[in-house]
Amino acid sequence: MQDFLFVDGGVTMYNNPAFQMFLMATLEPYQRQWRAGVENMLVISIGTGTSPSPDANLQAGEMNLAYQASSIPSALMYAAQTQQDLLCRVFGKTVAGCEIDREIGDLKNTSGPIGEKLFTYARITPSSAKKAWGNWDFPRSVPKTSARWIPSSSSRRCRKSAEGLPKSR
């Protein structure tokens, strides 16, 4: 048996490494070459949540170099996480997840640039997890042996429930 070290996605440039994990599972150089398809692969991204801290009293003059320097890391991590989540939703069939923004929504039931989606995707956040896991069962069309946990480290808050998750049998 070989030991492996797993590092939380929040310390990488991806912040949510779910799409990177899909690539590693399917691309030839990684020597896994799992078969893609919504019937063959289920990617579950579990976020730990974010803590937005808007300051309603912030004045333009207070946004100096020190303020900017302290704000940049969290802004970059949030942008990376959102981009990775977006890629999963564009190339995967999204069955659970919050709205990304008001312009594109949650991308459930949308087509992508390549025709058929490459995997089934669920984004679970702390605000939706309790309801989601209470009803969770893997989709009937995805063999349980093909499911792999792909953790990620952050997500935005979501007011929606885990609608769209498969119901338990």
N, C-alpha and C. Protein backbone atom coordinates (compact mmCIF):
# COMPACT_ATOMS: atom_id res chain seq x y z
N MET A 1 0.85 -1.18 0.00
CA MET A 1 0.00 0.00 0.00
C MET A 1 0.90 1.23 0.00
N GLN A 2 0.50 2.24 -0.75
CA GLN A 2 1.25 3.49 -0.84
C GLN A 2 0.49 4.62 -0.17
N ASP A 3 1.18 5.44 0.62
CA ASP A 3 0.56 6.59 1.26
C ASP A 3 0.60 7.78 0.32
N PHE A 4 -0.46 8.60 0.36
CA PHE A 4 -0.54 9.81 -0.45
C PHE A 4 -0.86 10.98 0.45
N LEU A 5 -0.38 12.14 0.09
CA LEU A 5 -0.69 13.37 0.80
C LEU A 5 -1.68 14.16 -0.02
N PHE A 6 -2.82 14.50 0.57
CA PHE A 6 -3.84 15.29 -0.11
C PHE A 6 -3.87 16.68 0.50
N VAL A 7 -3.85 17.69 -0.35
CA VAL A 7 -3.85 19.08 0.10
C VAL A 7 -5.17 19.71 -0.31
N ASP A 8 -5.79 20.43 0.61
CA ASP A 8 -7.06 21.09 0.33
C ASP A 8 -6.92 22.03 -0.86
N GLY A 9 -7.92 22.08 -1.72
CA GLY A 9 -7.89 22.90 -2.92
C GLY A 9 -7.76 24.38 -2.67
N GLY A 10 -8.10 24.84 -1.47
CA GLY A 10 -8.03 26.26 -1.17
C GLY A 10 -6.63 26.81 -1.11
N VAL A 11 -5.63 25.95 -1.08
CA VAL A 11 -4.26 26.44 -1.05
C VAL A 11 -3.61 26.35 -2.43
N THR A 12 -4.40 26.04 -3.43
CA THR A 12 -3.90 26.01 -4.80
C THR A 12 -4.47 27.19 -5.56
N MET A 13 -3.98 27.39 -6.77
CA MET A 13 -4.51 28.48 -7.59
C MET A 13 -5.93 28.20 -8.06
N TYR A 14 -6.40 26.97 -7.92
CA TYR A 14 -7.74 26.61 -8.37
C TYR A 14 -8.80 26.96 -7.34
N ASN A 15 -8.47 26.83 -6.09
CA ASN A 15 -9.37 27.03 -4.95
C ASN A 15 -10.48 25.99 -4.94
N ASN A 16 -11.06 25.69 -6.07
CA ASN A 16 -12.02 24.60 -6.22
C ASN A 16 -11.44 23.70 -7.31
N PRO A 17 -10.75 22.63 -6.94
CA PRO A 17 -10.03 21.83 -7.95
C PRO A 17 -10.88 20.79 -8.66
N ALA A 18 -12.20 20.91 -8.63
CA ALA A 18 -13.06 19.90 -9.23
C ALA A 18 -12.81 19.72 -10.72
N PHE A 19 -12.68 20.81 -11.47
CA PHE A 19 -12.46 20.68 -12.91
C PHE A 19 -11.07 20.11 -13.19
N GLN A 20 -10.08 20.51 -12.41
CA GLN A 20 -8.74 19.96 -12.57
C GLN A 20 -8.76 18.45 -12.32
N MET A 21 -9.55 18.02 -11.34
CA MET A 21 -9.65 16.59 -11.06
C MET A 21 -10.31 15.85 -12.22
N PHE A 22 -11.32 16.47 -12.84
CA PHE A 22 -11.93 15.86 -14.03
C PHE A 22 -10.87 15.68 -15.12
N LEU A 23 -10.06 16.72 -15.35
CA LEU A 23 -9.00 16.62 -16.37
C LEU A 23 -8.01 15.51 -16.02
N MET A 24 -7.62 15.44 -14.77
CA MET A 24 -6.67 14.41 -14.36
C MET A 24 -7.25 13.00 -14.51
N ALA A 25 -8.54 12.87 -14.34
CA ALA A 25 -9.18 11.55 -14.46
C ALA A 25 -9.36 11.12 -15.91
N THR A 26 -9.39 12.08 -16.84
CA THR A 26 -9.73 11.73 -18.22
C THR A 26 -8.61 11.90 -19.24
N LEU A 27 -7.65 12.76 -19.00
CA LEU A 27 -6.60 13.02 -19.98
C LEU A 27 -5.54 11.92 -19.99
N GLU A 28 -5.10 11.56 -21.18
CA GLU A 28 -4.13 10.48 -21.35
C GLU A 28 -2.83 10.65 -20.56
N PRO A 29 -2.22 11.84 -20.52
CA PRO A 29 -0.94 11.96 -19.80
C PRO A 29 -1.02 11.58 -18.31
N TYR A 30 -2.21 11.69 -17.70
CA TYR A 30 -2.35 11.33 -16.30
C TYR A 30 -2.54 9.82 -16.09
N GLN A 31 -2.64 9.08 -17.17
CA GLN A 31 -2.70 7.61 -17.17
C GLN A 31 -3.89 7.03 -16.41
N ARG A 32 -5.01 7.74 -16.40
CA ARG A 32 -6.24 7.21 -15.81
C ARG A 32 -7.25 6.92 -16.92
N GLN A 33 -7.48 7.89 -17.75
CA GLN A 33 -8.36 7.81 -18.91
C GLN A 33 -9.74 7.22 -18.60
N TRP A 34 -10.36 7.73 -17.53
CA TRP A 34 -11.73 7.33 -17.24
C TRP A 34 -12.62 7.82 -18.37
N ARG A 35 -13.65 7.09 -18.63
CA ARG A 35 -14.59 7.45 -19.70
C ARG A 35 -15.48 8.59 -19.23
N ALA A 36 -15.51 9.65 -20.02
CA ALA A 36 -16.35 10.81 -19.70
C ALA A 36 -17.80 10.54 -20.11
N GLY A 37 -18.70 11.36 -19.59
CA GLY A 37 -20.11 11.27 -19.93
C GLY A 37 -20.96 11.39 -18.68
N VAL A 38 -22.15 11.96 -18.82
CA VAL A 38 -23.01 12.15 -17.65
C VAL A 38 -23.43 10.81 -17.04
N GLU A 39 -23.43 9.76 -17.84
CA GLU A 39 -23.79 8.44 -17.35
C GLU A 39 -22.61 7.74 -16.67
N ASN A 40 -21.39 8.25 -16.91
CA ASN A 40 -20.19 7.57 -16.45
C ASN A 40 -19.47 8.24 -15.29
N MET A 41 -19.63 9.54 -15.13
CA MET A 41 -18.83 10.25 -14.15
C MET A 41 -19.67 11.25 -13.37
N LEU A 42 -19.51 11.21 -12.05
CA LEU A 42 -20.19 12.13 -11.15
C LEU A 42 -19.13 12.89 -10.37
N VAL A 43 -19.09 14.20 -10.49
CA VAL A 43 -18.15 15.05 -9.77
C VAL A 43 -18.94 15.81 -8.71
N ILE A 44 -18.55 15.62 -7.45
CA ILE A 44 -19.19 16.33 -6.35
C ILE A 44 -18.16 17.27 -5.76
N SER A 45 -18.45 18.54 -5.78
CA SER A 45 -17.57 19.55 -5.21
C SER A 45 -18.20 20.05 -3.92
N ILE A 46 -17.49 19.85 -2.82
CA ILE A 46 -18.01 20.24 -1.51
C ILE A 46 -17.24 21.46 -1.02
N GLY A 47 -17.93 22.58 -0.89
CA GLY A 47 -17.29 23.81 -0.44
C GLY A 47 -17.45 24.00 1.06
N THR A 48 -16.53 24.75 1.63
CA THR A 48 -16.60 25.02 3.07
C THR A 48 -17.23 26.36 3.38
N GLY A 49 -17.50 27.15 2.35
CA GLY A 49 -18.17 28.42 2.55
C GLY A 49 -17.23 29.61 2.52
N THR A 50 -17.79 30.76 2.30
CA THR A 50 -17.03 32.00 2.32
C THR A 50 -17.69 32.95 3.31
N SER A 51 -16.96 33.93 3.71
CA SER A 51 -17.48 34.93 4.64
C SER A 51 -17.30 36.31 4.06
N PRO A 52 -18.22 36.74 3.20
CA PRO A 52 -18.08 38.08 2.64
C PRO A 52 -18.15 39.12 3.76
N SER A 53 -17.33 40.14 3.64
CA SER A 53 -17.31 41.16 4.68
C SER A 53 -17.44 42.55 4.06
N PRO A 54 -18.61 42.86 3.52
CA PRO A 54 -18.79 44.19 2.94
C PRO A 54 -18.75 45.25 4.04
N ASP A 55 -18.21 46.39 3.70
CA ASP A 55 -18.11 47.50 4.64
C ASP A 55 -18.91 48.66 4.07
N ALA A 56 -20.12 48.83 4.56
CA ALA A 56 -21.00 49.88 4.04
C ALA A 56 -20.46 51.28 4.32
N ASN A 57 -19.57 51.39 5.28
CA ASN A 57 -19.02 52.70 5.63
C ASN A 57 -17.69 53.01 4.94
N LEU A 58 -17.22 52.13 4.07
CA LEU A 58 -15.94 52.33 3.39
C LEU A 58 -16.02 53.53 2.45
N GLN A 59 -15.05 54.40 2.55
CA GLN A 59 -14.98 55.59 1.71
C GLN A 59 -13.88 55.39 0.66
N ALA A 60 -14.02 56.02 -0.49
CA ALA A 60 -13.05 55.88 -1.57
C ALA A 60 -11.64 56.23 -1.11
N GLY A 61 -11.49 57.23 -0.29
CA GLY A 61 -10.18 57.64 0.20
C GLY A 61 -9.50 56.62 1.09
N GLU A 62 -10.28 55.68 1.64
CA GLU A 62 -9.72 54.65 2.51
C GLU A 62 -9.15 53.47 1.71
N MET A 63 -9.41 53.47 0.42
CA MET A 63 -8.95 52.35 -0.42
C MET A 63 -7.52 52.63 -0.89
N ASN A 64 -6.61 52.73 0.06
CA ASN A 64 -5.22 53.02 -0.22
C ASN A 64 -4.46 51.73 -0.53
N LEU A 65 -3.16 51.84 -0.66
CA LEU A 65 -2.32 50.70 -1.00
C LEU A 65 -2.43 49.59 0.04
N ALA A 66 -2.42 49.93 1.31
CA ALA A 66 -2.53 48.92 2.36
C ALA A 66 -3.88 48.20 2.29
N TYR A 67 -4.94 48.94 2.06
CA TYR A 67 -6.27 48.32 1.92
C TYR A 67 -6.29 47.37 0.73
N GLN A 68 -5.78 47.84 -0.42
CA GLN A 68 -5.76 47.01 -1.62
C GLN A 68 -4.93 45.75 -1.41
N ALA A 69 -3.76 45.90 -0.78
CA ALA A 69 -2.89 44.75 -0.54
C ALA A 69 -3.56 43.70 0.34
N SER A 70 -4.34 44.14 1.30
CA SER A 70 -5.01 43.18 2.18
C SER A 70 -6.24 42.55 1.52
N SER A 71 -6.80 43.19 0.50
CA SER A 71 -8.00 42.68 -0.17
C SER A 71 -7.70 41.76 -1.34
N ILE A 72 -6.54 41.92 -1.95
CA ILE A 72 -6.22 41.19 -3.18
C ILE A 72 -6.23 39.67 -3.01
N PRO A 73 -5.60 39.10 -1.98
CA PRO A 73 -5.59 37.63 -1.90
C PRO A 73 -6.98 37.01 -1.88
N SER A 74 -7.88 37.54 -1.08
CA SER A 74 -9.22 36.93 -1.04
C SER A 74 -9.97 37.15 -2.35
N ALA A 75 -9.76 38.28 -3.00
CA ALA A 75 -10.41 38.54 -4.28
C ALA A 75 -9.91 37.56 -5.35
N LEU A 76 -8.62 37.30 -5.36
CA LEU A 76 -8.07 36.35 -6.33
C LEU A 76 -8.55 34.93 -6.06
N MET A 77 -8.61 34.53 -4.80
CA MET A 77 -9.09 33.19 -4.47
C MET A 77 -10.56 33.01 -4.84
N TYR A 78 -11.35 34.04 -4.58
CA TYR A 78 -12.77 33.97 -4.93
C TYR A 78 -12.94 33.88 -6.45
N ALA A 79 -12.15 34.67 -7.19
CA ALA A 79 -12.23 34.65 -8.65
C ALA A 79 -11.83 33.28 -9.19
N ALA A 80 -10.78 32.68 -8.63
CA ALA A 80 -10.34 31.36 -9.08
C ALA A 80 -11.41 30.31 -8.79
N GLN A 81 -11.98 30.35 -7.61
CA GLN A 81 -13.02 29.38 -7.25
C GLN A 81 -14.23 29.51 -8.17
N THR A 82 -14.63 30.73 -8.44
CA THR A 82 -15.79 30.96 -9.31
C THR A 82 -15.52 30.47 -10.72
N GLN A 83 -14.31 30.73 -11.23
CA GLN A 83 -13.96 30.28 -12.58
C GLN A 83 -13.98 28.75 -12.67
N GLN A 84 -13.43 28.07 -11.67
CA GLN A 84 -13.42 26.61 -11.69
C GLN A 84 -14.84 26.04 -11.60
N ASP A 85 -15.67 26.64 -10.76
CA ASP A 85 -17.07 26.22 -10.65
C ASP A 85 -17.78 26.43 -11.99
N LEU A 86 -17.52 27.57 -12.62
CA LEU A 86 -18.13 27.87 -13.92
C LEU A 86 -17.72 26.83 -14.96
N LEU A 87 -16.44 26.47 -15.01
CA LEU A 87 -15.99 25.46 -15.97
C LEU A 87 -16.70 24.12 -15.74
N CYS A 88 -16.86 23.74 -14.48
CA CYS A 88 -17.58 22.49 -14.20
C CYS A 88 -19.01 22.55 -14.68
N ARG A 89 -19.65 23.69 -14.53
CA ARG A 89 -21.06 23.83 -14.94
C ARG A 89 -21.22 23.92 -16.45
N VAL A 90 -20.23 24.49 -17.13
CA VAL A 90 -20.29 24.61 -18.59
C VAL A 90 -20.07 23.24 -19.25
N PHE A 91 -19.10 22.49 -18.75
CA PHE A 91 -18.76 21.21 -19.36
C PHE A 91 -19.45 20.02 -18.69
N GLY A 92 -20.06 20.23 -17.54
CA GLY A 92 -20.78 19.17 -16.85
C GLY A 92 -22.26 19.48 -16.76
N LYS A 93 -23.05 18.44 -16.53
CA LYS A 93 -24.49 18.60 -16.33
C LYS A 93 -24.71 18.91 -14.85
N THR A 94 -25.06 20.15 -14.55
CA THR A 94 -25.21 20.58 -13.16
C THR A 94 -26.54 20.11 -12.59
N VAL A 95 -26.46 19.35 -11.49
CA VAL A 95 -27.68 18.87 -10.83
C VAL A 95 -27.89 19.56 -9.48
N ALA A 96 -26.86 20.24 -8.96
CA ALA A 96 -26.99 20.97 -7.71
C ALA A 96 -25.96 22.08 -7.67
N GLY A 97 -26.38 23.21 -7.16
CA GLY A 97 -25.46 24.33 -7.02
C GLY A 97 -26.19 25.65 -7.00
N CYS A 98 -25.59 26.61 -6.30
CA CYS A 98 -26.15 27.95 -6.19
C CYS A 98 -26.02 28.70 -7.51
N GLU A 99 -26.73 29.78 -7.57
CA GLU A 99 -26.58 30.71 -8.69
C GLU A 99 -25.17 31.29 -8.64
N ILE A 100 -24.46 31.30 -9.77
CA ILE A 100 -23.12 31.89 -9.81
C ILE A 100 -23.23 33.40 -9.75
N ASP A 101 -24.07 33.95 -10.60
CA ASP A 101 -24.39 35.38 -10.55
C ASP A 101 -25.72 35.60 -11.25
N ARG A 102 -26.20 36.84 -11.24
CA ARG A 102 -27.52 37.11 -11.82
C ARG A 102 -27.52 37.02 -13.34
N GLU A 103 -26.37 37.16 -13.96
CA GLU A 103 -26.31 37.11 -15.42
C GLU A 103 -26.44 35.69 -15.96
N ILE A 104 -25.69 34.74 -15.39
CA ILE A 104 -25.72 33.39 -15.94
C ILE A 104 -26.49 32.40 -15.07
N GLY A 105 -26.85 32.78 -13.87
CA GLY A 105 -27.66 31.90 -13.02
C GLY A 105 -26.88 30.70 -12.52
N ASP A 106 -27.57 29.55 -12.42
CA ASP A 106 -26.92 28.34 -11.89
C ASP A 106 -26.49 27.37 -12.98
N LEU A 107 -26.81 27.66 -14.23
CA LEU A 107 -26.45 26.86 -15.40
C LEU A 107 -27.02 25.44 -15.40
N LYS A 108 -28.07 25.21 -14.63
CA LYS A 108 -28.75 23.92 -14.71
C LYS A 108 -29.57 23.93 -16.01
N ASN A 109 -29.68 22.81 -16.64
CA ASN A 109 -30.48 22.65 -17.86
C ASN A 109 -30.06 23.60 -18.97
N THR A 110 -28.76 23.81 -19.12
CA THR A 110 -28.26 24.64 -20.21
C THR A 110 -27.33 23.81 -21.08
N SER A 111 -27.20 24.21 -22.31
CA SER A 111 -26.27 23.51 -23.20
C SER A 111 -24.90 24.16 -23.09
N GLY A 112 -23.90 23.43 -23.51
CA GLY A 112 -22.54 23.93 -23.46
C GLY A 112 -21.96 24.08 -24.85
N PRO A 113 -20.71 24.46 -24.95
CA PRO A 113 -20.09 24.70 -26.25
C PRO A 113 -19.73 23.44 -27.01
N ILE A 114 -19.81 22.27 -26.37
CA ILE A 114 -19.36 21.05 -27.04
C ILE A 114 -20.48 20.04 -27.29
N GLY A 115 -21.71 20.44 -27.13
CA GLY A 115 -22.81 19.51 -27.32
C GLY A 115 -23.13 18.77 -26.04
N GLU A 116 -22.84 17.46 -26.01
CA GLU A 116 -23.15 16.67 -24.82
C GLU A 116 -22.21 17.00 -23.67
N LYS A 117 -22.76 17.01 -22.47
CA LYS A 117 -21.97 17.31 -21.27
C LYS A 117 -21.04 16.13 -20.97
N LEU A 118 -19.93 16.41 -20.31
CA LEU A 118 -18.88 15.43 -20.09
C LEU A 118 -18.97 14.68 -18.76
N PHE A 119 -19.77 15.19 -17.82
CA PHE A 119 -19.92 14.55 -16.51
C PHE A 119 -21.13 15.16 -15.83
N THR A 120 -21.58 14.52 -14.76
CA THR A 120 -22.63 15.07 -13.91
C THR A 120 -21.93 15.81 -12.78
N TYR A 121 -22.44 17.00 -12.43
CA TYR A 121 -21.75 17.86 -11.46
C TYR A 121 -22.71 18.34 -10.39
N ALA A 122 -22.27 18.26 -9.15
CA ALA A 122 -23.03 18.80 -8.01
C ALA A 122 -22.10 19.66 -7.17
N ARG A 123 -22.51 20.87 -6.89
CA ARG A 123 -21.75 21.78 -6.03
C ARG A 123 -22.54 21.91 -4.73
N ILE A 124 -21.96 21.44 -3.65
CA ILE A 124 -22.62 21.46 -2.35
C ILE A 124 -21.92 22.49 -1.47
N THR A 125 -22.69 23.36 -0.85
CA THR A 125 -22.16 24.38 0.04
C THR A 125 -22.77 24.20 1.43
N PRO A 126 -22.19 24.80 2.45
CA PRO A 126 -22.73 24.62 3.81
C PRO A 126 -24.20 24.99 3.93
N SER A 127 -24.64 26.02 3.24
CA SER A 127 -26.04 26.44 3.37
C SER A 127 -27.01 25.49 2.69
N SER A 128 -26.52 24.64 1.78
CA SER A 128 -27.42 23.69 1.12
C SER A 128 -27.16 22.26 1.54
N ALA A 129 -26.08 22.01 2.27
CA ALA A 129 -25.65 20.65 2.56
C ALA A 129 -26.63 19.85 3.41
N LYS A 130 -27.15 20.44 4.46
CA LYS A 130 -28.02 19.68 5.37
C LYS A 130 -29.22 19.11 4.62
N LYS A 131 -29.87 19.93 3.84
CA LYS A 131 -31.02 19.45 3.08
C LYS A 131 -30.58 18.46 2.00
N ALA A 132 -29.46 18.78 1.35
CA ALA A 132 -28.99 17.92 0.26
C ALA A 132 -28.63 16.53 0.74
N TRP A 133 -27.85 16.43 1.79
CA TRP A 133 -27.40 15.12 2.24
C TRP A 133 -28.52 14.35 2.91
N GLY A 134 -29.53 15.02 3.41
CA GLY A 134 -30.67 14.31 3.97
C GLY A 134 -31.41 13.50 2.93
N ASN A 135 -31.41 13.94 1.67
CA ASN A 135 -32.12 13.26 0.59
C ASN A 135 -31.19 12.55 -0.38
N TRP A 136 -29.88 12.62 -0.16
CA TRP A 136 -28.94 12.20 -1.19
C TRP A 136 -28.96 10.72 -1.48
N ASP A 137 -28.97 10.41 -2.75
CA ASP A 137 -28.70 9.08 -3.27
C ASP A 137 -28.10 9.32 -4.65
N PHE A 138 -27.16 8.52 -5.04
CA PHE A 138 -26.55 8.73 -6.34
C PHE A 138 -27.59 8.54 -7.43
N PRO A 139 -27.47 9.28 -8.52
CA PRO A 139 -28.43 9.11 -9.62
C PRO A 139 -28.43 7.66 -10.10
N ARG A 140 -29.58 7.19 -10.45
CA ARG A 140 -29.71 5.80 -10.90
C ARG A 140 -28.84 5.54 -12.13
N SER A 141 -28.63 6.57 -12.96
CA SER A 141 -27.89 6.38 -14.20
C SER A 141 -26.38 6.40 -14.01
N VAL A 142 -25.90 6.76 -12.82
CA VAL A 142 -24.45 6.79 -12.57
C VAL A 142 -24.11 5.65 -11.64
N PRO A 143 -23.31 4.70 -12.09
CA PRO A 143 -22.94 3.59 -11.21
C PRO A 143 -22.23 4.10 -9.97
N LYS A 144 -22.58 3.57 -8.80
CA LYS A 144 -21.97 4.03 -7.56
C LYS A 144 -20.46 3.81 -7.56
N THR A 145 -19.99 2.82 -8.29
CA THR A 145 -18.55 2.56 -8.31
C THR A 145 -17.79 3.63 -9.07
N SER A 146 -18.46 4.44 -9.87
CA SER A 146 -17.76 5.46 -10.65
C SER A 146 -17.66 6.79 -9.92
N ALA A 147 -18.31 6.91 -8.76
CA ALA A 147 -18.30 8.18 -8.03
C ALA A 147 -17.01 8.33 -7.24
N ARG A 148 -16.45 9.52 -7.26
CA ARG A 148 -15.25 9.83 -6.50
C ARG A 148 -15.46 11.17 -5.82
N TRP A 149 -15.03 11.30 -4.58
CA TRP A 149 -15.14 12.57 -3.86
C TRP A 149 -14.07 13.51 -4.35
N ILE A 150 -14.44 14.73 -4.69
CA ILE A 150 -13.50 15.74 -5.12
C ILE A 150 -13.74 16.96 -4.25
N PRO A 151 -12.97 17.11 -3.16
CA PRO A 151 -13.21 18.22 -2.24
C PRO A 151 -12.69 19.54 -2.77
N SER A 152 -13.31 20.59 -2.36
CA SER A 152 -12.80 21.93 -2.64
C SER A 152 -12.92 22.73 -1.37
N SER A 153 -12.35 23.90 -1.35
CA SER A 153 -12.22 24.57 -0.07
C SER A 153 -13.11 25.77 0.14
N SER A 154 -13.72 26.31 -0.87
CA SER A 154 -14.53 27.49 -0.59
C SER A 154 -15.69 27.58 -1.56
N SER A 155 -16.69 28.28 -1.15
CA SER A 155 -17.86 28.49 -1.99
C SER A 155 -18.54 29.75 -1.52
N ARG A 156 -19.38 30.28 -2.37
CA ARG A 156 -20.10 31.46 -1.95
C ARG A 156 -21.38 31.02 -1.23
N ARG A 157 -21.91 31.91 -0.45
CA ARG A 157 -23.15 31.57 0.26
C ARG A 157 -24.28 31.39 -0.74
N CYS A 158 -25.18 30.52 -0.40
CA CYS A 158 -26.28 30.22 -1.32
C CYS A 158 -27.57 30.19 -0.53
N ARG A 159 -28.54 30.95 -0.98
CA ARG A 159 -29.82 30.96 -0.29
C ARG A 159 -30.72 29.84 -0.77
N LYS A 160 -30.41 29.28 -1.92
CA LYS A 160 -31.25 28.23 -2.46
C LYS A 160 -30.99 26.91 -1.75
N SER A 161 -31.95 26.04 -1.79
CA SER A 161 -31.76 24.70 -1.25
C SER A 161 -31.03 23.87 -2.30
N ALA A 162 -30.89 22.61 -2.03
CA ALA A 162 -30.20 21.72 -2.95
C ALA A 162 -31.17 21.14 -3.97
N GLU A 163 -32.03 21.98 -4.51
CA GLU A 163 -32.98 21.50 -5.51
C GLU A 163 -32.20 20.91 -6.68
N GLY A 164 -32.75 19.90 -7.26
CA GLY A 164 -32.10 19.27 -8.40
C GLY A 164 -31.28 18.06 -8.02
N LEU A 165 -30.98 17.89 -6.74
CA LEU A 165 -30.26 16.68 -6.33
C LEU A 165 -31.20 15.50 -6.47
N PRO A 166 -30.67 14.38 -6.84
CA PRO A 166 -31.52 13.19 -6.94
C PRO A 166 -32.15 12.86 -5.59
N LYS A 167 -33.37 12.44 -5.62
CA LYS A 167 -34.09 12.05 -4.39
C LYS A 167 -33.70 10.64 -4.00
N SER A 168 -33.78 10.36 -2.72
CA SER A 168 -33.46 9.00 -2.28
C SER A 168 -34.52 8.04 -2.78
N ARG A 169 -34.09 6.80 -2.94
CA ARG A 169 -35.03 5.79 -3.48
C ARG A 169 -36.03 5.33 -2.47
